[in-house]
Amino acid sequence: MDTFLNSATEILILIFLIIVFIQSGIDKVFDWKGNLSWLKEHFTGTPLESLVPLLFGTLLLVEMAAGVLCSVGLYQILIMGESSIALYGSIVSCISLLMLMFGQRMAKDYEGAKTIAVYFMPAIFLVYMLQK
């Protein structure tokens, strides 16, 4: 119980990021065609148009890595009192969100970019917290 109380902020943000990235990755895997179709339309007329399938696959891998690293980091904090893997997970989470932000800005979807900024705030705060 002491570990949870001493690391409550980190644990709660890790759980948040695990939910975000594992769910997003699962959605991409189980609705690959639907997501890819939407993205191809979303990026029509942008420099990323021809790269959508490659970038989508790359994003899937980065998101799943973020979710897995955050999950292992959560376990590591709770069981071992160590946070190095959680730090890696939070950094990869930020990288994933920056990839999404870049895409939204390229597509001139400024409302979508604002939404991503909301997710970025707790992720970057977690990086700060874990860099003690």
N, C-alpha and C. Protein backbone atom coordinates (compact mmCIF):
# COMPACT_ATOMS: atom_id res chain seq x y z
N MET A 1 0.82 -1.19 0.00
CA MET A 1 0.00 0.00 0.00
C MET A 1 0.86 1.26 0.00
N ASP A 2 2.01 1.20 0.67
CA ASP A 2 2.90 2.35 0.70
C ASP A 2 3.39 2.71 -0.70
N THR A 3 3.70 1.70 -1.50
CA THR A 3 4.17 1.96 -2.87
C THR A 3 3.12 2.72 -3.66
N PHE A 4 1.85 2.29 -3.53
CA PHE A 4 0.78 2.98 -4.26
C PHE A 4 0.66 4.42 -3.79
N LEU A 5 0.68 4.62 -2.50
CA LEU A 5 0.53 5.98 -1.97
C LEU A 5 1.71 6.87 -2.33
N ASN A 6 2.91 6.31 -2.33
CA ASN A 6 4.10 7.09 -2.67
C ASN A 6 4.23 7.37 -4.16
N SER A 7 3.58 6.57 -4.98
CA SER A 7 3.69 6.71 -6.44
C SER A 7 2.32 6.81 -7.11
N ALA A 8 1.33 7.32 -6.39
CA ALA A 8 -0.04 7.35 -6.91
C ALA A 8 -0.16 8.09 -8.23
N THR A 9 0.47 9.24 -8.35
CA THR A 9 0.38 10.02 -9.59
C THR A 9 0.94 9.22 -10.76
N GLU A 10 2.12 8.67 -10.59
CA GLU A 10 2.76 7.89 -11.65
C GLU A 10 1.92 6.68 -12.02
N ILE A 11 1.40 5.98 -11.02
CA ILE A 11 0.61 4.78 -11.27
C ILE A 11 -0.67 5.12 -12.03
N LEU A 12 -1.36 6.15 -11.60
CA LEU A 12 -2.61 6.53 -12.26
C LEU A 12 -2.38 6.99 -13.70
N ILE A 13 -1.33 7.75 -13.95
CA ILE A 13 -1.05 8.17 -15.32
C ILE A 13 -0.63 6.98 -16.17
N LEU A 14 0.14 6.06 -15.60
CA LEU A 14 0.50 4.84 -16.34
C LEU A 14 -0.75 4.06 -16.73
N ILE A 15 -1.68 3.90 -15.81
CA ILE A 15 -2.93 3.20 -16.13
C ILE A 15 -3.67 3.91 -17.25
N PHE A 16 -3.73 5.23 -17.19
CA PHE A 16 -4.34 6.03 -18.25
C PHE A 16 -3.69 5.73 -19.60
N LEU A 17 -2.35 5.77 -19.65
CA LEU A 17 -1.64 5.53 -20.90
C LEU A 17 -1.79 4.09 -21.39
N ILE A 18 -1.83 3.15 -20.47
CA ILE A 18 -2.05 1.75 -20.85
C ILE A 18 -3.41 1.62 -21.54
N ILE A 19 -4.44 2.19 -20.95
CA ILE A 19 -5.77 2.14 -21.54
C ILE A 19 -5.76 2.79 -22.92
N VAL A 20 -5.19 3.97 -23.03
CA VAL A 20 -5.17 4.70 -24.30
C VAL A 20 -4.47 3.89 -25.39
N PHE A 21 -3.27 3.41 -25.12
CA PHE A 21 -2.48 2.80 -26.19
C PHE A 21 -2.82 1.35 -26.46
N ILE A 22 -3.14 0.58 -25.47
CA ILE A 22 -3.55 -0.81 -25.72
C ILE A 22 -4.88 -0.83 -26.47
N GLN A 23 -5.85 -0.02 -26.03
CA GLN A 23 -7.14 0.04 -26.72
C GLN A 23 -6.96 0.52 -28.16
N SER A 24 -6.14 1.53 -28.36
CA SER A 24 -5.92 2.06 -29.70
C SER A 24 -5.27 1.01 -30.60
N GLY A 25 -4.29 0.30 -30.07
CA GLY A 25 -3.63 -0.75 -30.83
C GLY A 25 -4.58 -1.88 -31.18
N ILE A 26 -5.39 -2.30 -30.22
CA ILE A 26 -6.36 -3.37 -30.47
C ILE A 26 -7.36 -2.94 -31.53
N ASP A 27 -7.83 -1.69 -31.45
CA ASP A 27 -8.76 -1.17 -32.45
C ASP A 27 -8.13 -1.19 -33.84
N LYS A 28 -6.87 -0.81 -33.94
CA LYS A 28 -6.19 -0.81 -35.24
C LYS A 28 -6.05 -2.22 -35.80
N VAL A 29 -5.75 -3.19 -34.93
CA VAL A 29 -5.58 -4.57 -35.38
C VAL A 29 -6.92 -5.15 -35.86
N PHE A 30 -7.98 -4.96 -35.07
CA PHE A 30 -9.26 -5.59 -35.39
C PHE A 30 -10.06 -4.83 -36.44
N ASP A 31 -9.74 -3.58 -36.70
CA ASP A 31 -10.42 -2.83 -37.76
C ASP A 31 -9.39 -2.17 -38.67
N TRP A 32 -8.40 -2.95 -39.06
CA TRP A 32 -7.31 -2.46 -39.91
C TRP A 32 -7.86 -1.80 -41.17
N LYS A 33 -8.72 -2.50 -41.90
CA LYS A 33 -9.23 -2.00 -43.18
C LYS A 33 -10.03 -0.71 -43.00
N GLY A 34 -10.90 -0.67 -41.99
CA GLY A 34 -11.70 0.52 -41.75
C GLY A 34 -10.86 1.72 -41.39
N ASN A 35 -9.90 1.51 -40.49
CA ASN A 35 -9.02 2.61 -40.08
C ASN A 35 -8.16 3.08 -41.25
N LEU A 36 -7.62 2.13 -42.00
CA LEU A 36 -6.76 2.48 -43.13
C LEU A 36 -7.55 3.25 -44.18
N SER A 37 -8.77 2.83 -44.45
CA SER A 37 -9.62 3.52 -45.42
C SER A 37 -9.88 4.96 -44.98
N TRP A 38 -10.21 5.14 -43.69
CA TRP A 38 -10.46 6.48 -43.17
C TRP A 38 -9.21 7.35 -43.27
N LEU A 39 -8.06 6.78 -42.93
CA LEU A 39 -6.80 7.53 -42.96
C LEU A 39 -6.40 7.92 -44.37
N LYS A 40 -6.60 7.02 -45.33
CA LYS A 40 -6.28 7.36 -46.72
C LYS A 40 -7.08 8.57 -47.18
N GLU A 41 -8.35 8.59 -46.81
CA GLU A 41 -9.20 9.74 -47.16
C GLU A 41 -8.76 10.99 -46.40
N HIS A 42 -8.43 10.83 -45.12
CA HIS A 42 -8.03 11.94 -44.26
C HIS A 42 -6.77 12.62 -44.78
N PHE A 43 -5.85 11.85 -45.35
CA PHE A 43 -4.57 12.39 -45.81
C PHE A 43 -4.51 12.64 -47.31
N THR A 44 -5.64 12.55 -47.99
CA THR A 44 -5.68 12.87 -49.42
C THR A 44 -5.23 14.31 -49.63
N GLY A 45 -4.31 14.48 -50.57
CA GLY A 45 -3.81 15.82 -50.89
C GLY A 45 -2.69 16.31 -50.01
N THR A 46 -2.20 15.46 -49.12
CA THR A 46 -1.08 15.85 -48.25
C THR A 46 0.18 15.10 -48.70
N PRO A 47 1.34 15.56 -48.28
CA PRO A 47 2.57 14.84 -48.63
C PRO A 47 2.63 13.42 -48.06
N LEU A 48 1.78 13.11 -47.09
CA LEU A 48 1.78 11.78 -46.47
C LEU A 48 0.87 10.79 -47.19
N GLU A 49 0.14 11.25 -48.18
CA GLU A 49 -0.89 10.44 -48.84
C GLU A 49 -0.39 9.05 -49.26
N SER A 50 0.75 8.98 -49.91
CA SER A 50 1.24 7.69 -50.41
C SER A 50 1.89 6.84 -49.31
N LEU A 51 2.15 7.43 -48.17
CA LEU A 51 2.82 6.73 -47.08
C LEU A 51 1.87 6.20 -46.01
N VAL A 52 0.57 6.42 -46.17
CA VAL A 52 -0.39 6.10 -45.12
C VAL A 52 -0.28 4.66 -44.62
N PRO A 53 -0.26 3.64 -45.49
CA PRO A 53 -0.19 2.27 -44.95
C PRO A 53 1.09 2.03 -44.12
N LEU A 54 2.22 2.51 -44.59
CA LEU A 54 3.49 2.35 -43.86
C LEU A 54 3.45 3.09 -42.53
N LEU A 55 2.98 4.32 -42.55
CA LEU A 55 2.92 5.12 -41.33
C LEU A 55 1.90 4.55 -40.34
N PHE A 56 0.81 4.01 -40.85
CA PHE A 56 -0.21 3.41 -39.99
C PHE A 56 0.36 2.18 -39.27
N GLY A 57 1.08 1.36 -40.00
CA GLY A 57 1.72 0.19 -39.39
C GLY A 57 2.77 0.59 -38.36
N THR A 58 3.54 1.62 -38.70
CA THR A 58 4.56 2.12 -37.76
C THR A 58 3.90 2.66 -36.50
N LEU A 59 2.83 3.40 -36.67
CA LEU A 59 2.10 3.95 -35.51
C LEU A 59 1.55 2.82 -34.64
N LEU A 60 1.02 1.78 -35.26
CA LEU A 60 0.52 0.64 -34.50
C LEU A 60 1.63 0.04 -33.64
N LEU A 61 2.79 -0.17 -34.21
CA LEU A 61 3.91 -0.74 -33.46
C LEU A 61 4.35 0.17 -32.30
N VAL A 62 4.42 1.46 -32.55
CA VAL A 62 4.84 2.40 -31.52
C VAL A 62 3.80 2.47 -30.39
N GLU A 63 2.52 2.50 -30.76
CA GLU A 63 1.48 2.53 -29.74
C GLU A 63 1.48 1.26 -28.89
N MET A 64 1.63 0.13 -29.53
CA MET A 64 1.65 -1.13 -28.76
C MET A 64 2.89 -1.18 -27.87
N ALA A 65 4.02 -0.71 -28.39
CA ALA A 65 5.23 -0.66 -27.56
C ALA A 65 5.01 0.24 -26.35
N ALA A 66 4.36 1.38 -26.56
CA ALA A 66 4.07 2.29 -25.44
C ALA A 66 3.19 1.60 -24.41
N GLY A 67 2.13 0.94 -24.86
CA GLY A 67 1.23 0.26 -23.95
C GLY A 67 1.90 -0.86 -23.17
N VAL A 68 2.73 -1.64 -23.86
CA VAL A 68 3.42 -2.75 -23.20
C VAL A 68 4.46 -2.22 -22.21
N LEU A 69 5.24 -1.22 -22.63
CA LEU A 69 6.24 -0.65 -21.72
C LEU A 69 5.58 -0.03 -20.49
N CYS A 70 4.47 0.66 -20.69
CA CYS A 70 3.76 1.24 -19.54
C CYS A 70 3.23 0.14 -18.62
N SER A 71 2.75 -0.96 -19.20
CA SER A 71 2.26 -2.08 -18.40
C SER A 71 3.38 -2.70 -17.58
N VAL A 72 4.51 -2.95 -18.22
CA VAL A 72 5.66 -3.51 -17.50
C VAL A 72 6.16 -2.51 -16.47
N GLY A 73 6.15 -1.23 -16.83
CA GLY A 73 6.57 -0.19 -15.89
C GLY A 73 5.67 -0.11 -14.68
N LEU A 74 4.37 -0.28 -14.88
CA LEU A 74 3.43 -0.30 -13.77
C LEU A 74 3.75 -1.47 -12.83
N TYR A 75 3.94 -2.63 -13.41
CA TYR A 75 4.32 -3.81 -12.61
C TYR A 75 5.63 -3.54 -11.85
N GLN A 76 6.58 -2.97 -12.55
CA GLN A 76 7.89 -2.71 -11.94
C GLN A 76 7.76 -1.75 -10.75
N ILE A 77 6.96 -0.72 -10.90
CA ILE A 77 6.76 0.22 -9.79
C ILE A 77 6.08 -0.46 -8.62
N LEU A 78 5.01 -1.19 -8.90
CA LEU A 78 4.22 -1.81 -7.83
C LEU A 78 4.97 -2.93 -7.11
N ILE A 79 5.71 -3.72 -7.84
CA ILE A 79 6.35 -4.90 -7.26
C ILE A 79 7.79 -4.64 -6.83
N MET A 80 8.52 -3.90 -7.64
CA MET A 80 9.96 -3.74 -7.39
C MET A 80 10.35 -2.37 -6.87
N GLY A 81 9.42 -1.41 -6.95
CA GLY A 81 9.74 -0.06 -6.50
C GLY A 81 10.69 0.67 -7.44
N GLU A 82 10.80 0.21 -8.66
CA GLU A 82 11.71 0.77 -9.67
C GLU A 82 10.86 1.38 -10.79
N SER A 83 11.38 2.40 -11.48
CA SER A 83 10.55 3.08 -12.48
C SER A 83 11.21 3.26 -13.85
N SER A 84 12.31 2.59 -14.11
CA SER A 84 13.01 2.82 -15.38
C SER A 84 12.17 2.44 -16.60
N ILE A 85 11.48 1.30 -16.54
CA ILE A 85 10.66 0.88 -17.69
C ILE A 85 9.46 1.82 -17.85
N ALA A 86 8.91 2.30 -16.76
CA ALA A 86 7.81 3.26 -16.82
C ALA A 86 8.26 4.54 -17.53
N LEU A 87 9.48 4.96 -17.25
CA LEU A 87 10.02 6.14 -17.94
C LEU A 87 10.11 5.89 -19.44
N TYR A 88 10.63 4.73 -19.83
CA TYR A 88 10.70 4.40 -21.26
C TYR A 88 9.30 4.38 -21.88
N GLY A 89 8.35 3.80 -21.16
CA GLY A 89 6.97 3.75 -21.66
C GLY A 89 6.38 5.14 -21.83
N SER A 90 6.65 6.02 -20.88
CA SER A 90 6.11 7.38 -21.00
C SER A 90 6.76 8.15 -22.14
N ILE A 91 8.04 7.91 -22.38
CA ILE A 91 8.73 8.56 -23.50
C ILE A 91 8.18 8.05 -24.82
N VAL A 92 8.01 6.74 -24.94
CA VAL A 92 7.45 6.17 -26.18
C VAL A 92 6.01 6.65 -26.38
N SER A 93 5.27 6.80 -25.29
CA SER A 93 3.92 7.36 -25.38
C SER A 93 3.95 8.77 -25.97
N CYS A 94 4.87 9.58 -25.49
CA CYS A 94 5.01 10.95 -26.02
C CYS A 94 5.39 10.93 -27.49
N ILE A 95 6.28 10.04 -27.87
CA ILE A 95 6.69 9.94 -29.28
C ILE A 95 5.49 9.57 -30.14
N SER A 96 4.69 8.61 -29.67
CA SER A 96 3.50 8.21 -30.40
C SER A 96 2.53 9.39 -30.57
N LEU A 97 2.33 10.13 -29.50
CA LEU A 97 1.43 11.28 -29.57
C LEU A 97 1.98 12.37 -30.47
N LEU A 98 3.29 12.54 -30.48
CA LEU A 98 3.89 13.52 -31.41
C LEU A 98 3.72 13.07 -32.85
N MET A 99 3.81 11.77 -33.11
CA MET A 99 3.55 11.26 -34.46
C MET A 99 2.12 11.58 -34.88
N LEU A 100 1.18 11.34 -33.98
CA LEU A 100 -0.22 11.63 -34.27
C LEU A 100 -0.43 13.13 -34.48
N MET A 101 0.20 13.94 -33.64
CA MET A 101 0.09 15.40 -33.77
C MET A 101 0.61 15.86 -35.13
N PHE A 102 1.76 15.33 -35.53
CA PHE A 102 2.32 15.69 -36.83
C PHE A 102 1.34 15.36 -37.96
N GLY A 103 0.76 14.18 -37.89
CA GLY A 103 -0.20 13.78 -38.92
C GLY A 103 -1.41 14.68 -38.96
N GLN A 104 -1.95 15.01 -37.79
CA GLN A 104 -3.13 15.87 -37.75
C GLN A 104 -2.81 17.27 -38.30
N ARG A 105 -1.64 17.77 -37.98
CA ARG A 105 -1.25 19.09 -38.49
C ARG A 105 -1.04 19.04 -40.01
N MET A 106 -0.45 17.94 -40.50
CA MET A 106 -0.26 17.81 -41.95
C MET A 106 -1.60 17.75 -42.68
N ALA A 107 -2.58 17.12 -42.05
CA ALA A 107 -3.91 17.01 -42.64
C ALA A 107 -4.75 18.26 -42.39
N LYS A 108 -4.18 19.21 -41.68
CA LYS A 108 -4.87 20.45 -41.31
C LYS A 108 -6.13 20.18 -40.49
N ASP A 109 -6.06 19.13 -39.68
CA ASP A 109 -7.15 18.80 -38.76
C ASP A 109 -6.78 19.37 -37.39
N TYR A 110 -7.04 20.65 -37.23
CA TYR A 110 -6.61 21.35 -36.03
C TYR A 110 -7.42 20.94 -34.80
N GLU A 111 -8.68 20.57 -34.98
CA GLU A 111 -9.48 20.08 -33.85
C GLU A 111 -8.92 18.75 -33.36
N GLY A 112 -8.55 17.87 -34.28
CA GLY A 112 -7.94 16.60 -33.91
C GLY A 112 -6.61 16.81 -33.20
N ALA A 113 -5.85 17.79 -33.67
CA ALA A 113 -4.56 18.10 -33.04
C ALA A 113 -4.76 18.59 -31.61
N LYS A 114 -5.80 19.37 -31.38
CA LYS A 114 -6.09 19.84 -30.02
C LYS A 114 -6.39 18.68 -29.09
N THR A 115 -7.12 17.70 -29.60
CA THR A 115 -7.45 16.53 -28.80
C THR A 115 -6.18 15.78 -28.39
N ILE A 116 -5.26 15.64 -29.33
CA ILE A 116 -4.00 14.95 -29.03
C ILE A 116 -3.20 15.70 -27.98
N ALA A 117 -3.26 17.02 -28.02
CA ALA A 117 -2.54 17.83 -27.02
C ALA A 117 -3.04 17.51 -25.61
N VAL A 118 -4.33 17.22 -25.48
CA VAL A 118 -4.89 16.87 -24.17
C VAL A 118 -4.27 15.57 -23.66
N TYR A 119 -4.04 14.60 -24.53
CA TYR A 119 -3.39 13.35 -24.14
C TYR A 119 -1.89 13.55 -23.85
N PHE A 120 -1.29 14.49 -24.57
CA PHE A 120 0.14 14.72 -24.42
C PHE A 120 0.49 15.28 -23.04
N MET A 121 -0.40 16.10 -22.49
CA MET A 121 -0.10 16.74 -21.20
C MET A 121 0.19 15.74 -20.07
N PRO A 122 -0.68 14.76 -19.82
CA PRO A 122 -0.32 13.81 -18.75
C PRO A 122 0.89 12.95 -19.11
N ALA A 123 1.06 12.64 -20.39
CA ALA A 123 2.21 11.81 -20.79
C ALA A 123 3.53 12.54 -20.54
N ILE A 124 3.60 13.80 -20.91
CA ILE A 124 4.85 14.54 -20.71
C ILE A 124 5.06 14.84 -19.22
N PHE A 125 3.97 15.01 -18.49
CA PHE A 125 4.07 15.21 -17.04
C PHE A 125 4.65 13.94 -16.39
N LEU A 126 4.24 12.78 -16.89
CA LEU A 126 4.78 11.52 -16.35
C LEU A 126 6.28 11.41 -16.63
N VAL A 127 6.71 11.82 -17.82
CA VAL A 127 8.15 11.83 -18.11
C VAL A 127 8.85 12.68 -17.07
N TYR A 128 8.34 13.87 -16.83
CA TYR A 128 8.91 14.77 -15.83
C TYR A 128 8.96 14.12 -14.45
N MET A 129 7.86 13.51 -14.03
CA MET A 129 7.79 12.89 -12.71
C MET A 129 8.79 11.73 -12.56
N LEU A 130 9.00 10.98 -13.62
CA LEU A 130 9.85 9.79 -13.54
C LEU A 130 11.33 10.11 -13.72
N GLN A 131 11.67 11.34 -14.08
CA GLN A 131 13.06 11.72 -14.27
C GLN A 131 13.71 12.20 -12.97
N LYS A 132 13.22 11.77 -11.85
CA LYS A 132 13.73 12.20 -10.55
C LYS A 132 15.20 11.89 -10.41
